[in-house]
Amino acid sequence: MWFDPPVSGESYVLRPIGWVQSPLIDRESAPKQGDEGAPEAWVVFDTSVRDALRDVRPGTDMLILTWLDRARRDVLVVHPRGDLNRPETGVFNTRSPDRPNPIGLHRVGVLEVAGLRLRVRDLEALDGTPVLDVKPVLGTER
């Protein structure tokens, strides 16, 4: 089936549902991936999504989608992991935060649920990073 693609440059509005609270405050001190030494962090949610947090339990693995608000949006090619000895690679084949739409994807483990807050492990997002969505990782309960 063929369809007409949307008009180039069409925009969409994304509203944060929460924010990251983390001791990580700059990109230089943050690990490249969450399982490379990210400290425990909190995800703090807006009161408007309180009911969406029902049934989230410690021990659950979740996918957190963030807006990497300090990333560059004009970067299309990078040296993977910032290693200049590696060949330049298109950002769609890397996990670089710098990309046209800097959406972060983070697999975390829920350690604690406290009202509108989740304490998590393996979140390499910087303090203050906007959270766009949260989804369970299917088929993995600890």
N, C-alpha and C. Protein backbone atom coordinates (compact mmCIF):
# COMPACT_ATOMS: atom_id res chain seq x y z
N MET A 1 0.85 -1.17 0.00
CA MET A 1 0.00 0.00 0.00
C MET A 1 0.90 1.24 0.00
N TRP A 2 0.61 2.19 -0.83
CA TRP A 2 1.38 3.41 -0.94
C TRP A 2 0.66 4.55 -0.24
N PHE A 3 1.39 5.45 0.34
CA PHE A 3 0.78 6.60 0.98
C PHE A 3 1.62 7.83 0.69
N ASP A 4 1.01 8.98 0.84
CA ASP A 4 1.73 10.23 0.67
C ASP A 4 2.38 10.58 2.00
N PRO A 5 3.71 10.77 2.01
CA PRO A 5 4.38 11.12 3.28
C PRO A 5 3.93 12.49 3.75
N PRO A 6 4.04 12.74 5.07
CA PRO A 6 3.69 14.06 5.58
C PRO A 6 4.60 15.13 4.98
N VAL A 7 4.14 16.32 5.04
CA VAL A 7 4.92 17.44 4.53
C VAL A 7 6.22 17.53 5.31
N SER A 8 7.34 17.66 4.61
CA SER A 8 8.63 17.80 5.26
C SER A 8 8.62 19.02 6.18
N GLY A 9 9.19 18.86 7.35
CA GLY A 9 9.24 19.97 8.30
C GLY A 9 8.02 20.05 9.20
N GLU A 10 7.07 19.11 9.06
CA GLU A 10 5.91 19.11 9.93
C GLU A 10 6.39 18.99 11.37
N SER A 11 5.74 19.66 12.29
CA SER A 11 6.19 19.62 13.68
C SER A 11 5.11 19.02 14.57
N TYR A 12 5.56 18.52 15.70
CA TYR A 12 4.69 17.91 16.69
C TYR A 12 5.02 18.51 18.05
N VAL A 13 4.06 18.52 18.93
CA VAL A 13 4.28 19.06 20.26
C VAL A 13 4.43 17.89 21.24
N LEU A 14 5.54 17.89 21.97
CA LEU A 14 5.77 16.90 23.03
C LEU A 14 5.80 17.65 24.36
N ARG A 15 5.10 17.13 25.34
CA ARG A 15 5.08 17.75 26.66
C ARG A 15 5.71 16.78 27.66
N PRO A 16 6.68 17.25 28.43
CA PRO A 16 7.28 16.38 29.44
C PRO A 16 6.23 15.93 30.45
N ILE A 17 6.37 14.67 30.88
CA ILE A 17 5.51 14.15 31.94
C ILE A 17 6.27 14.09 33.26
N GLY A 18 7.56 14.39 33.20
CA GLY A 18 8.39 14.36 34.39
C GLY A 18 9.81 14.79 34.06
N TRP A 19 10.66 14.70 35.07
CA TRP A 19 12.05 15.12 34.94
C TRP A 19 12.95 14.18 35.71
N VAL A 20 14.20 14.14 35.27
CA VAL A 20 15.21 13.32 35.93
C VAL A 20 15.85 14.12 37.05
N GLN A 21 16.02 13.50 38.21
CA GLN A 21 16.84 14.04 39.30
C GLN A 21 18.02 13.11 39.44
N SER A 22 19.21 13.63 39.16
CA SER A 22 20.40 12.78 39.13
C SER A 22 21.61 13.58 39.58
N PRO A 23 22.62 12.91 40.14
CA PRO A 23 23.87 13.61 40.44
C PRO A 23 24.66 13.94 39.17
N LEU A 24 24.27 13.39 38.03
CA LEU A 24 24.96 13.69 36.77
C LEU A 24 24.53 15.07 36.28
N ILE A 25 25.49 15.99 36.17
CA ILE A 25 25.12 17.36 35.78
C ILE A 25 25.74 17.82 34.47
N ASP A 26 26.70 17.06 33.93
CA ASP A 26 27.27 17.45 32.64
C ASP A 26 27.62 16.20 31.84
N ARG A 27 27.65 16.36 30.52
CA ARG A 27 27.87 15.22 29.64
C ARG A 27 29.22 14.56 29.86
N GLU A 28 30.22 15.35 30.21
CA GLU A 28 31.57 14.81 30.39
C GLU A 28 31.63 13.81 31.54
N SER A 29 30.82 14.00 32.57
CA SER A 29 30.86 13.11 33.73
C SER A 29 29.88 11.94 33.61
N ALA A 30 29.03 11.96 32.60
CA ALA A 30 28.01 10.92 32.46
C ALA A 30 28.56 9.72 31.70
N PRO A 31 28.19 8.51 32.12
CA PRO A 31 28.59 7.33 31.34
C PRO A 31 27.87 7.34 30.00
N LYS A 32 28.45 6.65 29.02
CA LYS A 32 27.84 6.59 27.68
C LYS A 32 26.54 5.79 27.70
N GLN A 33 26.48 4.76 28.54
CA GLN A 33 25.29 3.92 28.67
C GLN A 33 25.02 3.72 30.16
N GLY A 34 23.77 3.45 30.48
CA GLY A 34 23.37 3.32 31.87
C GLY A 34 24.07 2.22 32.62
N ASP A 35 24.40 1.11 31.94
CA ASP A 35 25.04 -0.01 32.62
C ASP A 35 26.55 0.14 32.71
N GLU A 36 27.05 1.34 32.42
CA GLU A 36 28.48 1.63 32.50
C GLU A 36 28.79 2.55 33.69
N GLY A 37 28.06 2.37 34.78
CA GLY A 37 28.36 3.12 35.99
C GLY A 37 27.44 4.27 36.31
N ALA A 38 26.25 4.29 35.75
CA ALA A 38 25.31 5.37 36.08
C ALA A 38 24.88 5.26 37.54
N PRO A 39 24.84 6.38 38.26
CA PRO A 39 24.39 6.34 39.65
C PRO A 39 22.88 6.17 39.71
N GLU A 40 22.39 5.77 40.87
CA GLU A 40 20.94 5.74 41.05
C GLU A 40 20.40 7.15 40.85
N ALA A 41 19.18 7.22 40.32
CA ALA A 41 18.56 8.51 40.05
C ALA A 41 17.07 8.40 40.35
N TRP A 42 16.41 9.54 40.35
CA TRP A 42 14.96 9.59 40.53
C TRP A 42 14.34 10.12 39.26
N VAL A 43 13.18 9.60 38.92
CA VAL A 43 12.34 10.18 37.89
C VAL A 43 11.14 10.74 38.63
N VAL A 44 10.94 12.06 38.50
CA VAL A 44 9.87 12.75 39.22
C VAL A 44 8.79 13.14 38.21
N PHE A 45 7.57 12.69 38.45
CA PHE A 45 6.48 12.87 37.50
C PHE A 45 5.58 14.04 37.88
N ASP A 46 4.98 14.61 36.87
CA ASP A 46 3.99 15.67 37.04
C ASP A 46 2.71 15.06 37.63
N THR A 47 2.02 15.83 38.44
CA THR A 47 0.80 15.32 39.08
C THR A 47 -0.26 14.90 38.07
N SER A 48 -0.21 15.46 36.87
CA SER A 48 -1.22 15.14 35.86
C SER A 48 -1.15 13.69 35.38
N VAL A 49 -0.05 12.99 35.65
CA VAL A 49 0.08 11.60 35.21
C VAL A 49 0.09 10.62 36.39
N ARG A 50 -0.36 11.07 37.55
CA ARG A 50 -0.36 10.24 38.76
C ARG A 50 -0.97 8.86 38.50
N ASP A 51 -2.14 8.82 37.88
CA ASP A 51 -2.83 7.53 37.67
C ASP A 51 -2.06 6.61 36.74
N ALA A 52 -1.24 7.15 35.86
CA ALA A 52 -0.46 6.32 34.94
C ALA A 52 0.62 5.52 35.66
N LEU A 53 0.98 5.93 36.87
CA LEU A 53 2.00 5.24 37.65
C LEU A 53 1.45 4.04 38.42
N ARG A 54 0.12 3.89 38.42
CA ARG A 54 -0.46 2.74 39.12
C ARG A 54 0.15 1.45 38.60
N ASP A 55 0.40 0.55 39.47
CA ASP A 55 0.89 -0.79 39.15
C ASP A 55 2.37 -0.85 38.79
N VAL A 56 3.10 0.27 38.79
CA VAL A 56 4.56 0.21 38.62
C VAL A 56 5.14 -0.27 39.95
N ARG A 57 5.97 -1.29 39.90
CA ARG A 57 6.49 -1.91 41.12
C ARG A 57 8.00 -2.01 41.08
N PRO A 58 8.63 -1.98 42.26
CA PRO A 58 10.08 -2.26 42.31
C PRO A 58 10.37 -3.62 41.70
N GLY A 59 11.52 -3.72 41.06
CA GLY A 59 11.92 -4.96 40.41
C GLY A 59 11.54 -5.00 38.94
N THR A 60 10.75 -4.04 38.50
CA THR A 60 10.33 -3.99 37.10
C THR A 60 11.40 -3.28 36.27
N ASP A 61 11.66 -3.78 35.08
CA ASP A 61 12.51 -3.07 34.12
C ASP A 61 11.61 -2.22 33.25
N MET A 62 12.02 -0.98 33.04
CA MET A 62 11.23 -0.01 32.28
C MET A 62 12.09 0.62 31.19
N LEU A 63 11.44 1.09 30.15
CA LEU A 63 12.08 1.93 29.14
C LEU A 63 11.62 3.35 29.39
N ILE A 64 12.57 4.25 29.57
CA ILE A 64 12.26 5.66 29.76
C ILE A 64 12.70 6.40 28.51
N LEU A 65 11.78 7.16 27.93
CA LEU A 65 12.09 8.00 26.78
C LEU A 65 12.24 9.42 27.28
N THR A 66 13.35 10.03 26.94
CA THR A 66 13.64 11.39 27.39
C THR A 66 13.88 12.29 26.18
N TRP A 67 13.83 13.59 26.42
CA TRP A 67 14.22 14.59 25.44
C TRP A 67 15.60 15.08 25.87
N LEU A 68 16.61 14.77 25.09
CA LEU A 68 17.98 15.12 25.45
C LEU A 68 18.19 16.61 25.14
N ASP A 69 17.72 17.43 26.05
CA ASP A 69 17.59 18.87 25.83
C ASP A 69 18.92 19.60 25.66
N ARG A 70 20.02 19.00 26.04
CA ARG A 70 21.32 19.65 25.86
C ARG A 70 22.09 19.11 24.66
N ALA A 71 21.44 18.26 23.88
CA ALA A 71 22.08 17.67 22.70
C ALA A 71 21.99 18.64 21.52
N ARG A 72 22.91 18.47 20.60
CA ARG A 72 22.88 19.23 19.35
C ARG A 72 21.94 18.54 18.37
N ARG A 73 21.17 19.31 17.64
CA ARG A 73 20.21 18.75 16.68
C ARG A 73 20.71 18.83 15.25
N ASP A 74 21.87 19.43 15.04
CA ASP A 74 22.39 19.60 13.68
C ASP A 74 23.47 18.57 13.34
N VAL A 75 23.69 17.61 14.20
CA VAL A 75 24.74 16.60 13.99
C VAL A 75 24.13 15.39 13.29
N LEU A 76 24.74 14.97 12.19
CA LEU A 76 24.27 13.80 11.46
C LEU A 76 25.29 12.67 11.42
N VAL A 77 26.56 12.99 11.68
CA VAL A 77 27.64 12.01 11.61
C VAL A 77 28.54 12.21 12.83
N VAL A 78 28.94 11.10 13.47
CA VAL A 78 29.80 11.17 14.65
C VAL A 78 30.85 10.06 14.59
N HIS A 79 31.89 10.23 15.38
CA HIS A 79 32.80 9.12 15.66
C HIS A 79 32.18 8.37 16.84
N PRO A 80 31.79 7.09 16.67
CA PRO A 80 31.13 6.37 17.76
C PRO A 80 31.89 6.47 19.07
N ARG A 81 31.13 6.76 20.13
CA ARG A 81 31.63 6.89 21.49
C ARG A 81 32.68 7.99 21.63
N GLY A 82 32.72 8.92 20.65
CA GLY A 82 33.67 10.03 20.70
C GLY A 82 35.10 9.62 20.40
N ASP A 83 35.30 8.41 19.91
CA ASP A 83 36.63 7.88 19.64
C ASP A 83 37.05 8.27 18.22
N LEU A 84 37.99 9.21 18.11
CA LEU A 84 38.42 9.71 16.81
C LEU A 84 39.14 8.65 15.98
N ASN A 85 39.52 7.53 16.59
CA ASN A 85 40.14 6.44 15.84
C ASN A 85 39.10 5.58 15.11
N ARG A 86 37.85 5.75 15.46
CA ARG A 86 36.78 5.00 14.80
C ARG A 86 36.25 5.83 13.64
N PRO A 87 35.83 5.20 12.55
CA PRO A 87 35.34 5.95 11.40
C PRO A 87 34.03 6.68 11.71
N GLU A 88 33.83 7.80 11.04
CA GLU A 88 32.57 8.52 11.20
C GLU A 88 31.41 7.63 10.79
N THR A 89 30.32 7.74 11.55
CA THR A 89 29.14 6.90 11.35
C THR A 89 27.90 7.78 11.44
N GLY A 90 26.91 7.50 10.62
CA GLY A 90 25.64 8.23 10.70
C GLY A 90 24.99 8.02 12.05
N VAL A 91 24.44 9.09 12.63
CA VAL A 91 23.90 9.00 14.00
C VAL A 91 22.77 7.98 14.14
N PHE A 92 22.07 7.65 13.07
CA PHE A 92 21.01 6.66 13.19
C PHE A 92 21.56 5.25 13.43
N ASN A 93 22.86 5.08 13.29
CA ASN A 93 23.49 3.80 13.58
C ASN A 93 24.35 3.89 14.85
N THR A 94 24.06 4.87 15.69
CA THR A 94 24.78 5.05 16.95
C THR A 94 23.78 5.37 18.05
N ARG A 95 24.28 5.45 19.29
CA ARG A 95 23.47 5.89 20.42
C ARG A 95 23.83 7.32 20.82
N SER A 96 24.42 8.07 19.91
CA SER A 96 24.80 9.46 20.19
C SER A 96 23.58 10.27 20.62
N PRO A 97 23.74 11.12 21.65
CA PRO A 97 22.64 12.00 22.03
C PRO A 97 22.42 13.11 21.00
N ASP A 98 23.45 13.43 20.23
CA ASP A 98 23.34 14.48 19.21
C ASP A 98 22.71 13.88 17.96
N ARG A 99 21.53 14.40 17.59
CA ARG A 99 20.78 13.84 16.46
C ARG A 99 19.62 14.78 16.14
N PRO A 100 18.98 14.64 14.98
CA PRO A 100 17.91 15.57 14.61
C PRO A 100 16.79 15.69 15.64
N ASN A 101 16.33 14.58 16.17
CA ASN A 101 15.35 14.58 17.26
C ASN A 101 15.98 13.84 18.42
N PRO A 102 16.52 14.57 19.39
CA PRO A 102 17.31 13.94 20.45
C PRO A 102 16.45 13.23 21.51
N ILE A 103 15.87 12.11 21.09
CA ILE A 103 15.07 11.30 22.00
C ILE A 103 16.00 10.26 22.61
N GLY A 104 16.04 10.23 23.93
CA GLY A 104 16.85 9.26 24.64
C GLY A 104 16.02 8.03 24.97
N LEU A 105 16.64 6.87 24.90
CA LEU A 105 16.00 5.61 25.25
C LEU A 105 16.85 4.95 26.32
N HIS A 106 16.28 4.72 27.49
CA HIS A 106 17.03 4.24 28.64
C HIS A 106 16.31 3.03 29.24
N ARG A 107 17.01 1.91 29.34
CA ARG A 107 16.46 0.75 30.04
C ARG A 107 16.92 0.85 31.49
N VAL A 108 15.96 0.93 32.40
CA VAL A 108 16.27 1.10 33.81
C VAL A 108 15.57 0.02 34.62
N GLY A 109 16.04 -0.16 35.83
CA GLY A 109 15.38 -1.03 36.80
C GLY A 109 14.77 -0.16 37.88
N VAL A 110 13.51 -0.41 38.20
CA VAL A 110 12.83 0.34 39.25
C VAL A 110 13.25 -0.23 40.59
N LEU A 111 13.79 0.63 41.46
CA LEU A 111 14.23 0.23 42.79
C LEU A 111 13.21 0.60 43.86
N GLU A 112 12.49 1.70 43.64
CA GLU A 112 11.54 2.18 44.64
C GLU A 112 10.49 3.03 43.96
N VAL A 113 9.26 2.93 44.46
CA VAL A 113 8.16 3.77 44.01
C VAL A 113 7.71 4.57 45.23
N ALA A 114 7.76 5.89 45.11
CA ALA A 114 7.40 6.76 46.23
C ALA A 114 6.51 7.89 45.71
N GLY A 115 5.22 7.62 45.67
CA GLY A 115 4.29 8.64 45.17
C GLY A 115 4.53 8.91 43.70
N LEU A 116 4.91 10.15 43.39
CA LEU A 116 5.17 10.58 42.02
C LEU A 116 6.64 10.40 41.63
N ARG A 117 7.37 9.59 42.39
CA ARG A 117 8.81 9.43 42.13
C ARG A 117 9.16 7.96 41.99
N LEU A 118 10.04 7.69 41.02
CA LEU A 118 10.62 6.36 40.86
C LEU A 118 12.12 6.47 41.07
N ARG A 119 12.66 5.67 41.98
CA ARG A 119 14.12 5.57 42.10
C ARG A 119 14.54 4.43 41.19
N VAL A 120 15.53 4.72 40.32
CA VAL A 120 15.91 3.76 39.30
C VAL A 120 17.42 3.58 39.26
N ARG A 121 17.84 2.47 38.67
CA ARG A 121 19.26 2.21 38.40
C ARG A 121 19.48 2.31 36.90
N ASP A 122 20.73 2.54 36.52
CA ASP A 122 21.15 2.51 35.11
C ASP A 122 20.57 3.64 34.26
N LEU A 123 20.31 4.80 34.85
CA LEU A 123 19.83 5.95 34.08
C LEU A 123 20.96 6.95 33.92
N GLU A 124 21.48 7.07 32.70
CA GLU A 124 22.62 7.96 32.44
C GLU A 124 22.19 9.36 32.02
N ALA A 125 20.91 9.69 32.10
CA ALA A 125 20.43 11.02 31.73
C ALA A 125 20.86 12.05 32.76
N LEU A 126 21.08 13.27 32.29
CA LEU A 126 21.53 14.36 33.16
C LEU A 126 20.40 14.89 34.02
N ASP A 127 20.77 15.48 35.14
CA ASP A 127 19.81 16.11 36.04
C ASP A 127 18.98 17.14 35.26
N GLY A 128 17.68 17.10 35.42
CA GLY A 128 16.79 18.04 34.76
C GLY A 128 16.32 17.62 33.38
N THR A 129 16.77 16.47 32.89
CA THR A 129 16.35 16.00 31.57
C THR A 129 14.85 15.73 31.57
N PRO A 130 14.11 16.28 30.59
CA PRO A 130 12.67 16.02 30.51
C PRO A 130 12.37 14.56 30.15
N VAL A 131 11.36 13.99 30.80
CA VAL A 131 10.90 12.63 30.52
C VAL A 131 9.65 12.73 29.65
N LEU A 132 9.64 11.97 28.54
CA LEU A 132 8.52 12.00 27.60
C LEU A 132 7.54 10.85 27.81
N ASP A 133 8.04 9.67 28.17
CA ASP A 133 7.17 8.50 28.31
C ASP A 133 7.92 7.42 29.07
N VAL A 134 7.17 6.46 29.59
CA VAL A 134 7.71 5.31 30.30
C VAL A 134 6.91 4.10 29.85
N LYS A 135 7.63 3.02 29.56
CA LYS A 135 6.97 1.78 29.13
C LYS A 135 7.65 0.61 29.82
N PRO A 136 6.91 -0.45 30.10
CA PRO A 136 7.53 -1.63 30.70
C PRO A 136 8.33 -2.39 29.64
N VAL A 137 9.39 -3.06 30.09
CA VAL A 137 10.08 -4.02 29.25
C VAL A 137 9.30 -5.32 29.39
N LEU A 138 8.80 -5.82 28.31
CA LEU A 138 7.93 -7.00 28.37
C LEU A 138 8.71 -8.27 28.60
N GLY A 139 8.16 -9.14 29.42
CA GLY A 139 8.73 -10.47 29.62
C GLY A 139 9.92 -10.52 30.55
N THR A 140 10.16 -9.46 31.36
CA THR A 140 11.31 -9.47 32.27
C THR A 140 10.88 -9.01 33.65
N GLU A 141 10.59 -9.93 34.51
CA GLU A 141 10.32 -9.57 35.90
C GLU A 141 11.41 -10.18 36.75
N ARG A 142 11.87 -9.42 37.72
CA ARG A 142 12.96 -9.90 38.59
C ARG A 142 12.41 -10.54 39.82
